[in-house]
Amino acid sequence: MLNTGPIEFVERYTNGGEMQVRLVAPNLPKAYDGKQYAYQIRVRTDGWCECRSRAGGNGSIRYYTFQTLDEAMAHAVTWAKRKIANR
């Protein structure tokens, strides 16, 4: 069985009423440039979520859009588990 370690979300609210959510998983690998893999979610005031993942380097940034925070978080956890498994 794959040991993903703890996967958590850290939330931060902005003055404009938006929320920023960052995925934290200590078992995520580091890219060739030494930076940690990352997944961030921006929850807009209308509820839509704009997400960004970074894996192998700056050229590996991918953007996603989801209607709900639940969908975005589910995608983030699946993304993290896949990246940890491919280490």
PDB file of N, CA and C in Angstrom:
ATOM      1  N   MET A   1       0.842  -1.180   0.000  1.00  0.00           N
ATOM      2  CA  MET A   1       0.000   0.000   0.000  1.00  0.00           C
ATOM      3  C   MET A   1       0.891   1.248   0.000  1.00  0.00           C
ATOM      4  N   LEU A   2       0.476   2.241  -0.722  1.00  0.00           N
ATOM      5  CA  LEU A   2       1.208   3.489  -0.863  1.00  0.00           C
ATOM      6  C   LEU A   2       1.106   4.313   0.412  1.00  0.00           C
ATOM      7  N   ASN A   3       2.250   4.766   0.932  1.00  0.00           N
ATOM      8  CA  ASN A   3       2.262   5.626   2.115  1.00  0.00           C
ATOM      9  C   ASN A   3       2.358   7.080   1.655  1.00  0.00           C
ATOM     10  N   THR A   4       1.220   7.740   1.572  1.00  0.00           N
ATOM     11  CA  THR A   4       1.204   9.133   1.132  1.00  0.00           C
ATOM     12  C   THR A   4       1.548  10.090   2.257  1.00  0.00           C
ATOM     13  N   GLY A   5       1.500   9.610   3.493  1.00  0.00           N
ATOM     14  CA  GLY A   5       1.687  10.514   4.618  1.00  0.00           C
ATOM     15  C   GLY A   5       0.465  11.403   4.749  1.00  0.00           C
ATOM     16  N   PRO A   6       0.523  12.374   5.647  1.00  0.00           N
ATOM     17  CA  PRO A   6      -0.637  13.252   5.812  1.00  0.00           C
ATOM     18  C   PRO A   6      -0.784  14.218   4.635  1.00  0.00           C
ATOM     19  N   ILE A   7      -1.993  14.350   4.157  1.00  0.00           N
ATOM     20  CA  ILE A   7      -2.313  15.337   3.125  1.00  0.00           C
ATOM     21  C   ILE A   7      -3.314  16.300   3.754  1.00  0.00           C
ATOM     22  N   GLU A   8      -2.924  17.560   3.840  1.00  0.00           N
ATOM     23  CA  GLU A   8      -3.754  18.557   4.507  1.00  0.00           C
ATOM     24  C   GLU A   8      -3.949  19.767   3.600  1.00  0.00           C
ATOM     25  N   PHE A   9      -4.913  20.592   3.980  1.00  0.00           N
ATOM     26  CA  PHE A   9      -5.160  21.844   3.273  1.00  0.00           C
ATOM     27  C   PHE A   9      -5.034  23.001   4.259  1.00  0.00           C
ATOM     28  N   VAL A  10      -4.299  24.034   3.865  1.00  0.00           N
ATOM     29  CA  VAL A  10      -4.147  25.238   4.675  1.00  0.00           C
ATOM     30  C   VAL A  10      -4.938  26.340   3.979  1.00  0.00           C
ATOM     31  N   GLU A  11      -5.861  26.938   4.717  1.00  0.00           N
ATOM     32  CA  GLU A  11      -6.737  27.967   4.154  1.00  0.00           C
ATOM     33  C   GLU A  11      -6.311  29.353   4.627  1.00  0.00           C
ATOM     34  N   ARG A  12      -6.467  30.311   3.726  1.00  0.00           N
ATOM     35  CA  ARG A  12      -6.178  31.712   4.044  1.00  0.00           C
ATOM     36  C   ARG A  12      -7.220  32.563   3.331  1.00  0.00           C
ATOM     37  N   TYR A  13      -7.765  33.525   4.040  1.00  0.00           N
ATOM     38  CA  TYR A  13      -8.781  34.402   3.464  1.00  0.00           C
ATOM     39  C   TYR A  13      -8.162  35.743   3.083  1.00  0.00           C
ATOM     40  N   THR A  14      -8.626  36.311   1.980  1.00  0.00           N
ATOM     41  CA  THR A  14      -8.127  37.608   1.526  1.00  0.00           C
ATOM     42  C   THR A  14      -9.110  38.705   1.916  1.00  0.00           C
ATOM     43  N   ASN A  15      -8.675  39.945   1.821  1.00  0.00           N
ATOM     44  CA  ASN A  15      -9.547  41.079   2.139  1.00  0.00           C
ATOM     45  C   ASN A  15     -10.728  41.176   1.187  1.00  0.00           C
ATOM     46  N   GLY A  16     -10.578  40.681  -0.038  1.00  0.00           N
ATOM     47  CA  GLY A  16     -11.639  40.764  -1.028  1.00  0.00           C
ATOM     48  C   GLY A  16     -12.699  39.698  -0.890  1.00  0.00           C
ATOM     49  N   GLY A  17     -12.614  38.843   0.139  1.00  0.00           N
ATOM     50  CA  GLY A  17     -13.614  37.809   0.356  1.00  0.00           C
ATOM     51  C   GLY A  17     -13.287  36.482  -0.299  1.00  0.00           C
ATOM     52  N   GLU A  18     -12.156  36.383  -0.958  1.00  0.00           N
ATOM     53  CA  GLU A  18     -11.756  35.118  -1.573  1.00  0.00           C
ATOM     54  C   GLU A  18     -10.992  34.273  -0.564  1.00  0.00           C
ATOM     55  N   MET A  19     -10.894  33.000  -0.880  1.00  0.00           N
ATOM     56  CA  MET A  19     -10.137  32.084  -0.034  1.00  0.00           C
ATOM     57  C   MET A  19      -9.047  31.446  -0.883  1.00  0.00           C
ATOM     58  N   GLN A  20      -7.875  31.286  -0.308  1.00  0.00           N
ATOM     59  CA  GLN A  20      -6.777  30.585  -0.967  1.00  0.00           C
ATOM     60  C   GLN A  20      -6.471  29.349  -0.149  1.00  0.00           C
ATOM     61  N   VAL A  21      -6.412  28.210  -0.823  1.00  0.00           N
ATOM     62  CA  VAL A  21      -6.193  26.935  -0.165  1.00  0.00           C
ATOM     63  C   VAL A  21      -4.933  26.311  -0.763  1.00  0.00           C
ATOM     64  N   ARG A  22      -4.034  25.877   0.109  1.00  0.00           N
ATOM     65  CA  ARG A  22      -2.785  25.268  -0.339  1.00  0.00           C
ATOM     66  C   ARG A  22      -2.725  23.840   0.169  1.00  0.00           C
ATOM     67  N   LEU A  23      -2.410  22.902  -0.719  1.00  0.00           N
ATOM     68  CA  LEU A  23      -2.251  21.504  -0.336  1.00  0.00           C
ATOM     69  C   LEU A  23      -0.877  21.338   0.300  1.00  0.00           C
ATOM     70  N   VAL A  24      -0.838  20.657   1.456  1.00  0.00           N
ATOM     71  CA  VAL A  24       0.416  20.391   2.148  1.00  0.00           C
ATOM     72  C   VAL A  24       0.544  18.891   2.327  1.00  0.00           C
ATOM     73  N   ALA A  25       1.599  18.325   1.733  1.00  0.00           N
ATOM     74  CA  ALA A  25       1.878  16.892   1.853  1.00  0.00           C
ATOM     75  C   ALA A  25       3.391  16.712   1.895  1.00  0.00           C
ATOM     76  N   PRO A  26       3.946  16.358   3.043  1.00  0.00           N
ATOM     77  CA  PRO A  26       5.405  16.272   3.167  1.00  0.00           C
ATOM     78  C   PRO A  26       6.053  15.225   2.274  1.00  0.00           C
ATOM     79  N   ASN A  27       5.309  14.250   1.811  1.00  0.00           N
ATOM     80  CA  ASN A  27       5.881  13.202   0.955  1.00  0.00           C
ATOM     81  C   ASN A  27       5.902  13.565  -0.525  1.00  0.00           C
ATOM     82  N   LEU A  28       5.408  14.764  -0.885  1.00  0.00           N
ATOM     83  CA  LEU A  28       5.491  15.186  -2.283  1.00  0.00           C
ATOM     84  C   LEU A  28       6.961  15.345  -2.664  1.00  0.00           C
ATOM     85  N   PRO A  29       7.329  14.915  -3.850  1.00  0.00           N
ATOM     86  CA  PRO A  29       8.734  15.055  -4.253  1.00  0.00           C
ATOM     87  C   PRO A  29       9.097  16.501  -4.567  1.00  0.00           C
ATOM     88  N   LYS A  30      10.380  16.733  -4.773  1.00  0.00           N
ATOM     89  CA  LYS A  30      10.866  18.051  -5.191  1.00  0.00           C
ATOM     90  C   LYS A  30      11.217  17.991  -6.670  1.00  0.00           C
ATOM     91  N   ALA A  31      11.075  19.120  -7.331  1.00  0.00           N
ATOM     92  CA  ALA A  31      11.404  19.224  -8.750  1.00  0.00           C
ATOM     93  C   ALA A  31      12.920  19.295  -8.911  1.00  0.00           C
ATOM     94  N   TYR A  32      13.367  19.245 -10.150  1.00  0.00           N
ATOM     95  CA  TYR A  32      14.799  19.300 -10.424  1.00  0.00           C
ATOM     96  C   TYR A  32      15.426  20.605  -9.949  1.00  0.00           C
ATOM     97  N   ASP A  33      14.620  21.679  -9.822  1.00  0.00           N
ATOM     98  CA  ASP A  33      15.151  22.960  -9.358  1.00  0.00           C
ATOM     99  C   ASP A  33      15.114  23.086  -7.838  1.00  0.00           C
ATOM    100  N   GLY A  34      14.729  22.019  -7.148  1.00  0.00           N
ATOM    101  CA  GLY A  34      14.723  21.999  -5.694  1.00  0.00           C
ATOM    102  C   GLY A  34      13.449  22.475  -5.037  1.00  0.00           C
ATOM    103  N   LYS A  35      12.511  23.009  -5.821  1.00  0.00           N
ATOM    104  CA  LYS A  35      11.251  23.481  -5.252  1.00  0.00           C
ATOM    105  C   LYS A  35      10.296  22.306  -5.043  1.00  0.00           C
ATOM    106  N   GLN A  36       9.505  22.395  -3.995  1.00  0.00           N
ATOM    107  CA  GLN A  36       8.524  21.365  -3.674  1.00  0.00           C
ATOM    108  C   GLN A  36       7.387  21.388  -4.700  1.00  0.00           C
ATOM    109  N   TYR A  37       6.863  20.215  -5.055  1.00  0.00           N
ATOM    110  CA  TYR A  37       5.658  20.165  -5.865  1.00  0.00           C
ATOM    111  C   TYR A  37       4.558  20.908  -5.099  1.00  0.00           C
ATOM    112  N   ALA A  38       3.627  21.548  -5.803  1.00  0.00           N
ATOM    113  CA  ALA A  38       2.619  22.358  -5.118  1.00  0.00           C
ATOM    114  C   ALA A  38       1.277  22.309  -5.836  1.00  0.00           C
ATOM    115  N   TYR A  39       0.213  22.459  -5.064  1.00  0.00           N
ATOM    116  CA  TYR A  39      -1.139  22.562  -5.596  1.00  0.00           C
ATOM    117  C   TYR A  39      -1.851  23.653  -4.805  1.00  0.00           C
ATOM    118  N   GLN A  40      -2.383  24.643  -5.509  1.00  0.00           N
ATOM    119  CA  GLN A  40      -3.065  25.765  -4.870  1.00  0.00           C
ATOM    120  C   GLN A  40      -4.456  25.937  -5.469  1.00  0.00           C
ATOM    121  N   ILE A  41      -5.391  26.311  -4.618  1.00  0.00           N
ATOM    122  CA  ILE A  41      -6.774  26.533  -5.034  1.00  0.00           C
ATOM    123  C   ILE A  41      -7.157  27.954  -4.640  1.00  0.00           C
ATOM    124  N   ARG A  42      -7.737  28.683  -5.573  1.00  0.00           N
ATOM    125  CA  ARG A  42      -8.273  30.022  -5.286  1.00  0.00           C
ATOM    126  C   ARG A  42      -9.785  29.939  -5.425  1.00  0.00           C
ATOM    127  N   VAL A  43     -10.487  30.178  -4.329  1.00  0.00           N
ATOM    128  CA  VAL A  43     -11.950  30.138  -4.339  1.00  0.00           C
ATOM    129  C   VAL A  43     -12.449  31.567  -4.528  1.00  0.00           C
ATOM    130  N   ARG A  44     -13.056  31.805  -5.671  1.00  0.00           N
ATOM    131  CA  ARG A  44     -13.560  33.141  -5.978  1.00  0.00           C
ATOM    132  C   ARG A  44     -14.830  33.422  -5.175  1.00  0.00           C
ATOM    133  N   THR A  45     -15.255  34.665  -5.171  1.00  0.00           N
ATOM    134  CA  THR A  45     -16.445  35.041  -4.406  1.00  0.00           C
ATOM    135  C   THR A  45     -17.723  34.429  -4.966  1.00  0.00           C
ATOM    136  N   ASP A  46     -17.711  34.029  -6.254  1.00  0.00           N
ATOM    137  CA  ASP A  46     -18.894  33.374  -6.838  1.00  0.00           C
ATOM    138  C   ASP A  46     -18.888  31.861  -6.619  1.00  0.00           C
ATOM    139  N   GLY A  47     -17.894  31.341  -5.901  1.00  0.00           N
ATOM    140  CA  GLY A  47     -17.845  29.918  -5.575  1.00  0.00           C
ATOM    141  C   GLY A  47     -16.987  29.079  -6.499  1.00  0.00           C
ATOM    142  N   TRP A  48     -16.687  29.569  -7.692  1.00  0.00           N
ATOM    143  CA  TRP A  48     -15.843  28.819  -8.626  1.00  0.00           C
ATOM    144  C   TRP A  48     -14.416  28.761  -8.104  1.00  0.00           C
ATOM    145  N   CYS A  49     -13.727  27.686  -8.430  1.00  0.00           N
ATOM    146  CA  CYS A  49     -12.363  27.480  -7.951  1.00  0.00           C
ATOM    147  C   CYS A  49     -11.395  27.453  -9.129  1.00  0.00           C
ATOM    148  N   GLU A  50     -10.351  28.238  -9.022  1.00  0.00           N
ATOM    149  CA  GLU A  50      -9.269  28.237  -9.997  1.00  0.00           C
ATOM    150  C   GLU A  50      -8.065  27.581  -9.319  1.00  0.00           C
ATOM    151  N   CYS A  51      -7.551  26.516  -9.927  1.00  0.00           N
ATOM    152  CA  CYS A  51      -6.489  25.733  -9.309  1.00  0.00           C
ATOM    153  C   CYS A  51      -5.230  25.770 -10.168  1.00  0.00           C
ATOM    154  N   ARG A  52      -4.108  25.558  -9.484  1.00  0.00           N
ATOM    155  CA  ARG A  52      -2.825  25.543 -10.176  1.00  0.00           C
ATOM    156  C   ARG A  52      -1.952  24.472  -9.533  1.00  0.00           C
ATOM    157  N   SER A  53      -1.375  23.601 -10.375  1.00  0.00           N
ATOM    158  CA  SER A  53      -0.443  22.598  -9.871  1.00  0.00           C
ATOM    159  C   SER A  53       0.921  22.840 -10.491  1.00  0.00           C
ATOM    160  N   ARG A  54       1.952  22.559  -9.704  1.00  0.00           N
ATOM    161  CA  ARG A  54       3.331  22.700 -10.169  1.00  0.00           C
ATOM    162  C   ARG A  54       4.068  21.425  -9.802  1.00  0.00           C
ATOM    163  N   ALA A  55       4.677  20.791 -10.795  1.00  0.00           N
ATOM    164  CA  ALA A  55       5.391  19.540 -10.533  1.00  0.00           C
ATOM    165  C   ALA A  55       6.863  19.679 -10.898  1.00  0.00           C
ATOM    166  N   GLY A  56       7.258  19.237 -12.082  1.00  0.00           N
ATOM    167  CA  GLY A  56       8.663  19.124 -12.457  1.00  0.00           C
ATOM    168  C   GLY A  56       9.438  20.409 -12.583  1.00  0.00           C
ATOM    169  N   GLY A  57       8.804  21.533 -12.708  1.00  0.00           N
ATOM    170  CA  GLY A  57       9.486  22.814 -12.861  1.00  0.00           C
ATOM    171  C   GLY A  57       8.487  23.857 -13.302  1.00  0.00           C
ATOM    172  N   ASN A  58       8.956  25.050 -13.582  1.00  0.00           N
ATOM    173  CA  ASN A  58       8.043  26.131 -13.975  1.00  0.00           C
ATOM    174  C   ASN A  58       7.279  25.797 -15.253  1.00  0.00           C
ATOM    175  N   GLY A  59       7.843  24.978 -16.124  1.00  0.00           N
ATOM    176  CA  GLY A  59       7.158  24.588 -17.350  1.00  0.00           C
ATOM    177  C   GLY A  59       6.067  23.563 -17.138  1.00  0.00           C
ATOM    178  N   SER A  60       5.949  23.046 -15.925  1.00  0.00           N
ATOM    179  CA  SER A  60       4.966  21.994 -15.652  1.00  0.00           C
ATOM    180  C   SER A  60       3.725  22.531 -14.948  1.00  0.00           C
ATOM    181  N   ILE A  61       3.539  23.829 -14.900  1.00  0.00           N
ATOM    182  CA  ILE A  61       2.367  24.410 -14.233  1.00  0.00           C
ATOM    183  C   ILE A  61       1.126  24.110 -15.062  1.00  0.00           C
ATOM    184  N   ARG A  62       0.102  23.588 -14.392  1.00  0.00           N
ATOM    185  CA  ARG A  62      -1.172  23.269 -15.038  1.00  0.00           C
ATOM    186  C   ARG A  62      -2.282  24.013 -14.317  1.00  0.00           C
ATOM    187  N   TYR A  63      -3.290  24.417 -15.072  1.00  0.00           N
ATOM    188  CA  TYR A  63      -4.410  25.187 -14.528  1.00  0.00           C
ATOM    189  C   TYR A  63      -5.694  24.383 -14.688  1.00  0.00           C
ATOM    190  N   TYR A  64      -6.542  24.453 -13.660  1.00  0.00           N
ATOM    191  CA  TYR A  64      -7.814  23.729 -13.654  1.00  0.00           C
ATOM    192  C   TYR A  64      -8.896  24.663 -13.112  1.00  0.00           C
ATOM    193  N   THR A  65     -10.145  24.416 -13.490  1.00  0.00           N
ATOM    194  CA  THR A  65     -11.283  25.173 -12.972  1.00  0.00           C
ATOM    195  C   THR A  65     -12.354  24.181 -12.537  1.00  0.00           C
ATOM    196  N   PHE A  66     -12.905  24.418 -11.349  1.00  0.00           N
ATOM    197  CA  PHE A  66     -13.957  23.552 -10.810  1.00  0.00           C
ATOM    198  C   PHE A  66     -15.086  24.421 -10.276  1.00  0.00           C
ATOM    199  N   GLN A  67     -16.289  23.859 -10.276  1.00  0.00           N
ATOM    200  CA  GLN A  67     -17.464  24.593  -9.814  1.00  0.00           C
ATOM    201  C   GLN A  67     -17.529  24.684  -8.300  1.00  0.00           C
ATOM    202  N   THR A  68     -16.998  23.689  -7.599  1.00  0.00           N
ATOM    203  CA  THR A  68     -17.092  23.675  -6.143  1.00  0.00           C
ATOM    204  C   THR A  68     -15.728  23.396  -5.519  1.00  0.00           C
ATOM    205  N   LEU A  69     -15.605  23.772  -4.260  1.00  0.00           N
ATOM    206  CA  LEU A  69     -14.378  23.499  -3.521  1.00  0.00           C
ATOM    207  C   LEU A  69     -14.193  22.000  -3.306  1.00  0.00           C
ATOM    208  N   ASP A  70     -15.279  21.263  -3.114  1.00  0.00           N
ATOM    209  CA  ASP A  70     -15.184  19.814  -2.936  1.00  0.00           C
ATOM    210  C   ASP A  70     -14.553  19.143  -4.153  1.00  0.00           C
ATOM    211  N   GLU A  71     -14.977  19.560  -5.353  1.00  0.00           N
ATOM    212  CA  GLU A  71     -14.389  18.998  -6.578  1.00  0.00           C
ATOM    213  C   GLU A  71     -12.908  19.338  -6.675  1.00  0.00           C
ATOM    214  N   ALA A  72     -12.566  20.567  -6.350  1.00  0.00           N
ATOM    215  CA  ALA A  72     -11.177  21.008  -6.434  1.00  0.00           C
ATOM    216  C   ALA A  72     -10.303  20.251  -5.437  1.00  0.00           C
ATOM    217  N   MET A  73     -10.787  20.066  -4.225  1.00  0.00           N
ATOM    218  CA  MET A  73     -10.014  19.355  -3.209  1.00  0.00           C
ATOM    219  C   MET A  73      -9.856  17.875  -3.558  1.00  0.00           C
ATOM    220  N   ALA A  74     -10.896  17.274  -4.109  1.00  0.00           N
ATOM    221  CA  ALA A  74     -10.801  15.873  -4.522  1.00  0.00           C
ATOM    222  C   ALA A  74      -9.747  15.720  -5.617  1.00  0.00           C
ATOM    223  N   HIS A  75      -9.727  16.650  -6.566  1.00  0.00           N
ATOM    224  CA  HIS A  75      -8.724  16.610  -7.626  1.00  0.00           C
ATOM    225  C   HIS A  75      -7.322  16.813  -7.042  1.00  0.00           C
ATOM    226  N   ALA A  76      -7.190  17.713  -6.079  1.00  0.00           N
ATOM    227  CA  ALA A  76      -5.889  17.975  -5.459  1.00  0.00           C
ATOM    228  C   ALA A  76      -5.350  16.738  -4.751  1.00  0.00           C
ATOM    229  N   VAL A  77      -6.201  16.032  -4.028  1.00  0.00           N
ATOM    230  CA  VAL A  77      -5.766  14.821  -3.325  1.00  0.00           C
ATOM    231  C   VAL A  77      -5.369  13.743  -4.319  1.00  0.00           C
ATOM    232  N   THR A  78      -6.151  13.573  -5.375  1.00  0.00           N
ATOM    233  CA  THR A  78      -5.806  12.589  -6.416  1.00  0.00           C
ATOM    234  C   THR A  78      -4.484  12.961  -7.072  1.00  0.00           C
ATOM    235  N   TRP A  79      -4.280  14.229  -7.374  1.00  0.00           N
ATOM    236  CA  TRP A  79      -3.027  14.708  -7.976  1.00  0.00           C
ATOM    237  C   TRP A  79      -1.849  14.404  -7.054  1.00  0.00           C
ATOM    238  N   ALA A  80      -1.996  14.715  -5.757  1.00  0.00           N
ATOM    239  CA  ALA A  80      -0.908  14.492  -4.798  1.00  0.00           C
ATOM    240  C   ALA A  80      -0.570  13.004  -4.677  1.00  0.00           C
ATOM    241  N   LYS A  81      -1.572  12.164  -4.589  1.00  0.00           N
ATOM    242  CA  LYS A  81      -1.325  10.720  -4.480  1.00  0.00           C
ATOM    243  C   LYS A  81      -0.605  10.197  -5.716  1.00  0.00           C
ATOM    244  N   ARG A  82      -0.990  10.688  -6.891  1.00  0.00           N
ATOM    245  CA  ARG A  82      -0.337  10.264  -8.136  1.00  0.00           C
ATOM    246  C   ARG A  82       1.124  10.711  -8.165  1.00  0.00           C
ATOM    247  N   LYS A  83       1.401  11.946  -7.733  1.00  0.00           N
ATOM    248  CA  LYS A  83       2.774  12.446  -7.739  1.00  0.00           C
ATOM    249  C   LYS A  83       3.643  11.706  -6.725  1.00  0.00           C
ATOM    250  N   ILE A  84       3.075  11.386  -5.564  1.00  0.00           N
ATOM    251  CA  ILE A  84       3.832  10.634  -4.563  1.00  0.00           C
ATOM    252  C   ILE A  84       4.126   9.219  -5.062  1.00  0.00           C
ATOM    253  N   ALA A  85       3.164   8.600  -5.724  1.00  0.00           N
ATOM    254  CA  ALA A  85       3.360   7.240  -6.240  1.00  0.00           C
ATOM    255  C   ALA A  85       4.406   7.182  -7.337  1.00  0.00           C
ATOM    256  N   ASN A  86       4.560   8.271  -8.106  1.00  0.00           N
ATOM    257  CA  ASN A  86       5.509   8.299  -9.229  1.00  0.00           C
ATOM    258  C   ASN A  86       6.895   8.791  -8.839  1.00  0.00           C
ATOM    259  N   ARG A  87       7.159   8.965  -7.571  1.00  0.00           N
ATOM    260  CA  ARG A  87       8.466   9.459  -7.117  1.00  0.00           C
ATOM    261  C   ARG A  87       9.595   8.627  -7.610  1.00  0.00           C
TER     262      ARG A  87
END
